[in-house]
């Protein structure tokens, strides 16, 4: 990969905040026995569903642009969630929606640029999206066991007046589920701040701010289909007041969700939802087994409400290399607050067995 010096005079055009960041990169072992690095649902759709999905997708008019309003997908989700279609905004995964929210509420604070605030460590794309838009990032450290410091969050919002606050509920990469009502409390206290309840891992805990959304016009619930066995589709969505949705729609690219992704998501939501829920329950059960087995092997295991388990150990980098050599891919952090940490996706029982054997 080239470095900035190879840009020549163009390097001066790269913002300092971007020069100080690194690309999001996940190393992949040369051979793969168990892929436990990306928090995907590990189960393959049943053959009959895959065959029917193939038939459905074969009928999609790929010579035409996709429906910019995603009307059929919008109707399916609005019905399932019990919300109005005008409350939904679709994105190319949650990443695009995070970027849209940052752009939508980026008015400067007097002479200072707009700010985005979030606890750390957390999902790395909050920072990437903010920096890419020239926004200031305000990071509030988590506690020793990655618990949320609620008073520190409130003080930071009062001091820095951010336009957006992101709360991953539960958090990635720690798996921690903080008090779910805190997002709504922030929304009530700071009416001029967009409070985002990022619920990517809802299927593995059931905790959501959606029931109180109507009472908080500045609250945004963000979700994705990626953790439900549809990571390859890249379909995310926000649920908010129609007013916030209207602002996001002004910035959303008109054809950001492909026709194939829209149709596949519609089909899977209508025909595979029970299967997805059952497999998520299997993952929750396997999470308990995996956490207990890792603790028995001497790892420090952090409580998780997602489809991942964060552990801390000595020699984490060396251990990652050893696992990679055995074809087991997990996510290595081992820096800063996450020094000594590996994030392990909860896989199938066979994948857990492969991991434990490699250990």
Protein backbone atom coordinates (compact mmCIF):
# COMPACT_ATOMS: atom_id res chain seq x y z
CA UNK A 1 0.00 0.00 0.00
CA UNK A 2 1.39 3.42 -0.93
CA UNK A 3 2.18 6.04 1.69
CA UNK A 4 1.34 9.74 1.66
CA UNK A 5 4.81 10.81 0.51
CA UNK A 6 4.16 9.11 -2.82
CA UNK A 7 1.31 11.54 -3.47
CA UNK A 8 3.80 14.31 -4.16
CA UNK A 9 2.34 17.85 -3.98
CA UNK A 10 -1.17 16.35 -3.74
CA UNK A 11 -0.33 15.18 -0.20
CA UNK A 12 -0.87 18.74 1.05
CA UNK A 13 -4.53 18.40 0.07
CA UNK A 14 -5.09 15.45 2.42
CA UNK A 15 -6.49 16.73 5.75
CA UNK A 16 -4.24 16.21 8.76
CA UNK A 17 -6.99 14.21 10.47
CA UNK A 18 -7.03 11.76 7.55
CA UNK A 19 -3.25 11.52 7.41
CA UNK A 20 -3.32 10.39 11.03
CA UNK A 21 -5.64 7.45 10.40
CA UNK A 22 -5.10 3.98 9.00
CA UNK A 23 -7.29 1.98 6.66
CA UNK A 24 -9.73 -0.53 8.12
CA UNK A 25 -7.99 -3.83 7.55
CA UNK A 26 -8.73 -7.35 8.71
CA UNK A 27 -5.90 -9.83 8.06
CA UNK A 28 -7.00 -13.20 6.68
CA UNK A 29 -5.13 -16.45 7.32
CA UNK A 30 -3.78 -18.27 4.24
CA UNK A 31 -6.21 -21.13 4.91
CA UNK A 32 -9.54 -20.89 6.66
CA UNK A 33 -11.05 -23.49 8.97
CA UNK A 34 -13.17 -21.20 11.15
CA UNK A 35 -14.02 -17.58 10.22
CA UNK A 36 -14.60 -15.90 13.57
CA UNK A 37 -13.48 -12.34 12.83
CA UNK A 38 -16.44 -10.37 11.42
CA UNK A 39 -19.47 -11.02 13.68
CA UNK A 40 -21.52 -12.64 10.95
CA UNK A 41 -24.24 -15.23 11.52
CA UNK A 42 -22.32 -18.46 10.88
CA UNK A 43 -25.17 -20.53 9.43
CA UNK A 44 -25.95 -21.05 5.75
CA UNK A 45 -29.55 -20.66 4.58
CA UNK A 46 -31.38 -23.98 4.05
CA UNK A 47 -31.14 -25.30 0.50
CA UNK A 48 -34.83 -24.77 -0.25
CA UNK A 49 -34.68 -21.11 0.78
CA UNK A 50 -31.51 -20.55 -1.24
CA UNK A 51 -33.11 -22.13 -4.30
CA UNK A 52 -36.24 -19.99 -3.99
CA UNK A 53 -34.13 -16.87 -3.40
CA UNK A 54 -32.23 -17.65 -6.59
CA UNK A 55 -35.47 -17.87 -8.54
CA UNK A 56 -36.66 -14.57 -7.09
CA UNK A 57 -33.42 -12.77 -7.90
CA UNK A 58 -33.41 -14.14 -11.46
CA UNK A 59 -36.53 -12.03 -12.10
CA UNK A 60 -34.93 -8.74 -11.00
CA UNK A 61 -34.52 -6.26 -13.84
CA UNK A 62 -30.82 -5.60 -13.40
CA UNK A 63 -30.77 -3.50 -16.57
CA UNK A 64 -32.78 -0.88 -14.66
CA UNK A 65 -31.78 1.29 -11.74
CA UNK A 66 -33.12 0.11 -8.37
CA UNK A 67 -36.18 1.71 -6.83
CA UNK A 68 -34.69 4.80 -5.15
CA UNK A 69 -37.38 4.73 -2.46
CA UNK A 70 -37.11 0.96 -1.84
CA UNK A 71 -40.90 0.92 -1.67
CA UNK A 72 -41.44 -2.84 -1.38
CA UNK A 73 -38.70 -3.29 1.21
CA UNK A 74 -39.97 -0.21 3.04
CA UNK A 75 -43.48 -1.64 3.23
CA UNK A 76 -42.24 -5.00 4.54
CA UNK A 77 -40.11 -3.45 7.29
CA UNK A 78 -42.67 -0.82 8.26
CA UNK A 79 -45.25 -3.59 8.75
CA UNK A 80 -42.90 -5.80 10.75
CA UNK A 81 -41.70 -2.94 12.97
CA UNK A 82 -45.05 -1.22 13.39
CA UNK A 83 -43.77 2.14 12.14
CA UNK A 84 -44.65 4.47 9.29
CA UNK A 85 -42.75 4.06 6.05
CA UNK A 86 -41.72 7.72 6.26
CA UNK A 87 -39.71 6.92 9.39
CA UNK A 88 -37.31 4.61 7.53
CA UNK A 89 -34.11 5.49 5.69
CA UNK A 90 -32.11 2.75 3.95
CA UNK A 91 -28.35 2.61 3.62
CA UNK A 92 -25.63 0.50 2.12
CA UNK A 93 -25.12 -1.16 5.48
CA UNK A 94 -24.97 0.80 8.73
CA UNK A 95 -21.70 2.40 7.62
CA UNK A 96 -23.39 4.61 5.05
CA UNK A 97 -26.09 5.59 7.52
CA UNK A 98 -23.48 6.58 10.11
CA UNK A 99 -21.89 8.81 7.49
CA UNK A 100 -25.27 10.30 6.54
CA UNK A 101 -26.06 11.13 10.18
CA UNK A 102 -22.66 12.79 10.59
CA UNK A 103 -23.26 14.88 7.46
CA UNK A 104 -26.82 15.78 8.37
CA UNK A 105 -25.98 17.34 11.74
CA UNK A 106 -22.64 18.94 10.90
CA UNK A 107 -23.43 22.63 11.41
CA UNK A 108 -20.41 24.37 13.04
CA UNK A 109 -20.45 25.31 16.73
CA UNK A 110 -19.62 28.98 16.36
CA UNK A 111 -15.99 29.12 15.23
CA UNK A 112 -15.45 25.41 15.89
CA UNK A 113 -16.35 22.56 13.56
CA UNK A 114 -19.23 20.29 14.42
CA UNK A 115 -18.43 17.44 16.78
CA UNK A 116 -19.38 13.78 17.03
CA UNK A 117 -19.20 12.15 20.46
CA UNK A 118 -19.02 8.50 21.43
CA UNK A 119 -17.52 6.29 24.16
CA UNK A 120 -14.28 4.42 23.46
CA UNK A 121 -13.41 1.78 22.58
CA UNK A 122 -16.35 1.30 20.24
CA UNK A 123 -17.20 0.74 16.58
CA UNK A 124 -14.35 2.26 14.59
CA UNK A 125 -16.50 3.67 11.80
CA UNK A 126 -17.98 6.39 14.01
CA UNK A 127 -14.54 8.01 14.01
CA UNK A 128 -13.82 7.32 10.35
CA UNK A 129 -17.11 8.86 9.21
CA UNK A 130 -16.63 11.94 11.37
CA UNK A 131 -13.03 12.56 10.30
CA UNK A 132 -13.93 12.10 6.63
CA UNK A 133 -16.38 15.00 7.00
CA UNK A 134 -14.02 17.32 8.82
CA UNK A 135 -15.78 16.92 12.16
CA UNK A 136 -14.19 16.98 15.59
CA UNK A 137 -14.33 13.68 17.46
CA UNK A 138 -14.97 13.64 21.20
CA UNK A 139 -14.11 10.30 22.80
CA UNK A 140 -15.25 9.42 26.32
CA UNK A 141 -13.31 6.52 27.86
CA UNK A 142 -15.18 3.48 29.13
CA UNK A 143 -14.53 2.01 32.56
CA UNK A 144 -12.11 -0.78 33.40
CA UNK A 145 -14.61 -3.48 32.45
CA UNK A 146 -15.83 -1.42 29.48
CA UNK A 147 -18.82 -0.11 31.40
CA UNK A 148 -20.31 3.19 30.26
CA UNK A 149 -19.39 6.23 32.39
CA UNK A 150 -22.76 7.97 32.23
CA UNK A 151 -21.76 11.09 34.23
CA UNK A 152 -18.69 11.54 32.02
CA UNK A 153 -20.85 11.25 28.90
CA UNK A 154 -23.21 13.91 30.18
CA UNK A 155 -20.33 16.25 31.12
CA UNK A 156 -18.73 15.76 27.71
CA UNK A 157 -21.97 16.62 25.91
CA UNK A 158 -22.40 19.72 28.06
CA UNK A 159 -18.81 20.82 27.46
CA UNK A 160 -18.49 20.09 23.74
CA UNK A 161 -22.04 20.50 22.35
CA UNK A 162 -21.75 17.74 19.71
CA UNK A 163 -24.21 17.43 16.87
CA UNK A 164 -24.34 13.63 17.16
CA UNK A 165 -23.84 11.07 19.94
CA UNK A 166 -23.39 7.42 18.98
CA UNK A 167 -24.19 4.63 21.44
CA UNK A 168 -23.62 1.07 20.23
CA UNK A 169 -26.12 -1.04 22.18
CA UNK A 170 -24.53 -3.55 22.65
CA UNK A 171 -21.06 -2.28 21.98
CA UNK A 172 -18.59 -3.55 19.40
CA UNK A 173 -15.88 -4.77 19.98
CA UNK A 174 -16.55 -5.34 23.68
CA UNK A 175 -20.01 -6.92 23.50
CA UNK A 176 -21.08 -4.81 26.48
CA UNK A 177 -24.76 -3.89 26.76
CA UNK A 178 -25.06 -0.61 28.61
CA UNK A 179 -28.27 0.62 30.22
CA UNK A 180 -30.70 0.80 27.32
CA UNK A 181 -32.69 3.70 28.77
CA UNK A 182 -29.68 6.01 28.79
CA UNK A 183 -30.05 6.88 25.09
CA UNK A 184 -33.60 8.12 25.64
CA UNK A 185 -32.51 10.06 28.73
CA UNK A 186 -29.83 11.81 26.70
CA UNK A 187 -32.36 12.58 23.98
CA UNK A 188 -34.69 14.17 26.54
CA UNK A 189 -31.91 16.17 28.18
CA UNK A 190 -30.15 17.38 25.01
CA UNK A 191 -32.88 18.15 22.51
CA UNK A 192 -30.47 19.80 20.06
CA UNK A 193 -28.29 16.67 19.74
CA UNK A 194 -29.01 13.66 17.51
CA UNK A 195 -28.76 10.62 19.78
CA UNK A 196 -28.17 7.37 17.87
CA UNK A 197 -29.04 4.02 19.42
CA UNK A 198 -27.06 1.66 17.19
CA UNK A 199 -28.77 -1.72 17.57
CA UNK A 200 -26.82 -3.83 15.09
CA UNK A 201 -26.79 -6.80 17.50
CA UNK A 202 -30.44 -6.62 18.54
CA UNK A 203 -31.07 -10.27 17.60
CA UNK A 204 -28.73 -11.46 20.37
CA UNK A 205 -30.21 -9.52 23.30
CA UNK A 206 -33.59 -7.97 22.42
CA UNK A 207 -32.81 -4.57 23.98
CA UNK A 208 -34.14 -1.66 21.92
CA UNK A 209 -35.04 2.02 22.19
CA UNK A 210 -37.78 1.66 19.57
CA UNK A 211 -40.73 1.65 22.07
CA UNK A 212 -39.79 5.16 23.29
CA UNK A 213 -38.84 6.59 19.90
CA UNK A 214 -42.06 8.57 19.45
CA UNK A 215 -41.44 10.50 22.66
CA UNK A 216 -38.01 11.70 21.54
CA UNK A 217 -37.90 13.52 18.19
CA UNK A 218 -34.07 13.68 18.25
CA UNK A 219 -33.57 9.93 18.86
CA UNK A 220 -32.47 7.69 15.98
CA UNK A 221 -32.60 3.89 16.10
CA UNK A 222 -30.12 2.29 13.71
CA UNK A 223 -30.24 -1.35 12.61
CA UNK A 224 -28.76 -3.66 10.01
CA UNK A 225 -29.53 -6.98 8.40
CA UNK A 226 -25.84 -7.88 8.41
CA UNK A 227 -25.95 -9.74 11.72
CA UNK A 228 -29.01 -11.79 10.73
CA UNK A 229 -27.36 -13.87 8.04
CA UNK A 230 -27.50 -11.15 5.38
CA UNK A 231 -24.07 -9.53 5.71
CA UNK A 232 -23.46 -9.91 1.99
CA UNK A 233 -26.49 -7.78 1.18
CA UNK A 234 -25.25 -4.60 2.89
CA UNK A 235 -28.68 -3.35 3.93
CA UNK A 236 -29.06 -1.11 6.96
CA UNK A 237 -31.80 1.26 8.02
CA UNK A 238 -32.63 3.98 10.51
CA UNK A 239 -35.92 4.48 12.29
CA UNK A 240 -36.59 8.03 13.42
CA UNK A 241 -39.10 10.83 13.29
CA UNK A 242 -40.21 11.63 9.73
CA UNK A 243 -38.49 15.01 10.16
CA UNK A 244 -35.06 13.44 10.79
CA UNK A 245 -35.68 10.92 8.03
CA UNK A 246 -36.43 13.81 5.70
CA UNK A 247 -33.06 15.42 6.45
CA UNK A 248 -31.21 12.14 5.87
CA UNK A 249 -33.07 11.59 2.62
CA UNK A 250 -31.72 14.90 1.27
CA UNK A 251 -28.22 13.47 1.52
CA UNK A 252 -28.81 9.82 0.65
CA UNK A 253 -27.58 8.77 -2.81
CA UNK A 254 -30.68 7.89 -4.86
CA UNK A 255 -29.61 4.36 -5.83
CA UNK A 256 -27.57 3.38 -2.78
CA UNK A 257 -29.24 -0.01 -2.21
CA UNK A 258 -29.10 -2.22 -5.27
CA UNK A 259 -32.14 -3.88 -6.81
CA UNK A 260 -30.73 -7.32 -5.99
CA UNK A 261 -30.12 -6.34 -2.36
CA UNK A 262 -33.60 -4.86 -2.00
CA UNK A 263 -35.31 -7.91 -3.44
CA UNK A 264 -33.19 -10.37 -1.45
CA UNK A 265 -33.86 -8.45 1.77
CA UNK A 266 -37.61 -8.43 1.08
CA UNK A 267 -37.63 -12.16 0.44
CA UNK A 268 -35.56 -13.04 3.49
CA UNK A 269 -37.53 -10.80 5.84
CA UNK A 270 -40.78 -12.32 4.63
CA UNK A 271 -39.71 -15.98 4.37
CA UNK A 272 -36.60 -16.54 6.49
CA UNK A 273 -37.27 -14.44 9.61
CA UNK A 274 -38.19 -17.46 11.81
CA UNK A 275 -35.08 -19.32 10.64
CA UNK A 276 -32.89 -16.29 11.35
CA UNK A 277 -34.37 -15.91 14.84
CA UNK A 278 -33.81 -19.59 15.61
CA UNK A 279 -30.19 -19.43 14.45
CA UNK A 280 -29.62 -16.29 16.54
CA UNK A 281 -30.90 -18.23 19.55
CA UNK A 282 -28.43 -20.99 18.71
CA UNK A 283 -25.64 -18.41 18.71
CA UNK A 284 -26.70 -17.08 22.12
CA UNK A 285 -26.51 -20.61 23.52
CA UNK A 286 -23.13 -21.18 21.90
CA UNK A 287 -21.92 -17.85 23.30
CA UNK A 288 -22.38 -19.23 26.80
CA UNK A 289 -20.41 -22.37 25.99
CA UNK A 290 -17.62 -20.43 24.28
CA UNK A 291 -17.26 -17.90 27.11
CA UNK A 292 -17.11 -20.66 29.74
CA UNK A 293 -14.54 -22.63 27.76
CA UNK A 294 -12.32 -19.57 27.28
CA UNK A 295 -12.56 -18.64 30.96
CA UNK A 296 -11.57 -22.19 31.89
CA UNK A 297 -8.44 -21.76 29.78
CA UNK A 298 -7.39 -18.68 31.73
CA UNK A 299 -8.62 -15.89 29.47
CA UNK A 300 -10.19 -12.77 30.93
CA UNK A 301 -13.63 -12.92 29.34
CA UNK A 302 -15.85 -9.84 29.17
CA UNK A 303 -19.62 -10.25 29.41
CA UNK A 304 -21.26 -10.02 26.00
CA UNK A 305 -24.78 -9.41 24.72
CA UNK A 306 -23.74 -9.68 21.06
CA UNK A 307 -22.59 -12.53 18.82
CA UNK A 308 -19.00 -12.00 19.89
CA UNK A 309 -16.80 -12.56 22.91
CA UNK A 310 -13.93 -10.22 23.81
CA UNK A 311 -11.07 -11.78 25.74
CA UNK A 312 -7.81 -10.49 27.15
CA UNK A 313 -4.65 -12.55 27.48
CA UNK A 314 -0.89 -12.23 27.50
CA UNK A 315 0.81 -12.56 24.13
CA UNK A 316 -2.34 -11.77 22.14
CA UNK A 317 -0.48 -11.06 18.91
CA UNK A 318 1.50 -14.29 19.14
CA UNK A 319 -1.70 -16.17 19.87
CA UNK A 320 -3.41 -14.60 16.85
CA UNK A 321 -0.55 -15.78 14.66
CA UNK A 322 -0.81 -19.29 16.08
CA UNK A 323 -4.56 -19.39 15.49
CA UNK A 324 -4.09 -18.06 11.96
CA UNK A 325 -1.62 -20.83 11.30
CA UNK A 326 -4.32 -23.31 12.31
CA UNK A 327 -6.82 -21.68 9.95
CA UNK A 328 -8.82 -19.95 12.71
CA UNK A 329 -9.44 -16.26 12.02
CA UNK A 330 -10.30 -14.00 14.97
CA UNK A 331 -9.96 -10.22 15.30
CA UNK A 332 -6.78 -8.91 16.91
CA UNK A 333 -6.72 -5.55 18.70
CA UNK A 334 -3.80 -5.58 21.17
CA UNK A 335 -3.32 -1.80 21.39
CA UNK A 336 -4.39 1.02 23.69
CA UNK A 337 -7.37 0.20 25.89
CA UNK A 338 -7.71 -3.09 24.00
CA UNK A 339 -4.14 -4.21 24.63
CA UNK A 340 -4.01 -7.98 24.92
CA UNK A 341 -7.51 -8.37 23.45
CA UNK A 342 -8.93 -10.70 20.84
CA UNK A 343 -12.51 -10.45 19.60
CA UNK A 344 -13.97 -13.84 18.76
CA UNK A 345 -17.18 -14.16 16.78
CA UNK A 346 -19.52 -16.83 18.12
CA UNK A 347 -19.63 -19.47 15.40
CA UNK A 348 -21.17 -22.88 15.02
CA UNK A 349 -20.38 -25.58 17.60
CA UNK A 350 -17.94 -27.09 15.10
CA UNK A 351 -16.16 -23.74 14.73
CA UNK A 352 -15.98 -23.36 18.51
CA UNK A 353 -14.44 -26.85 18.67
CA UNK A 354 -11.87 -25.86 16.02
CA UNK A 355 -10.96 -22.74 17.97
CA UNK A 356 -10.60 -24.62 21.25
CA UNK A 357 -8.51 -27.31 19.57
CA UNK A 358 -6.20 -24.65 18.11
CA UNK A 359 -5.82 -23.12 21.57
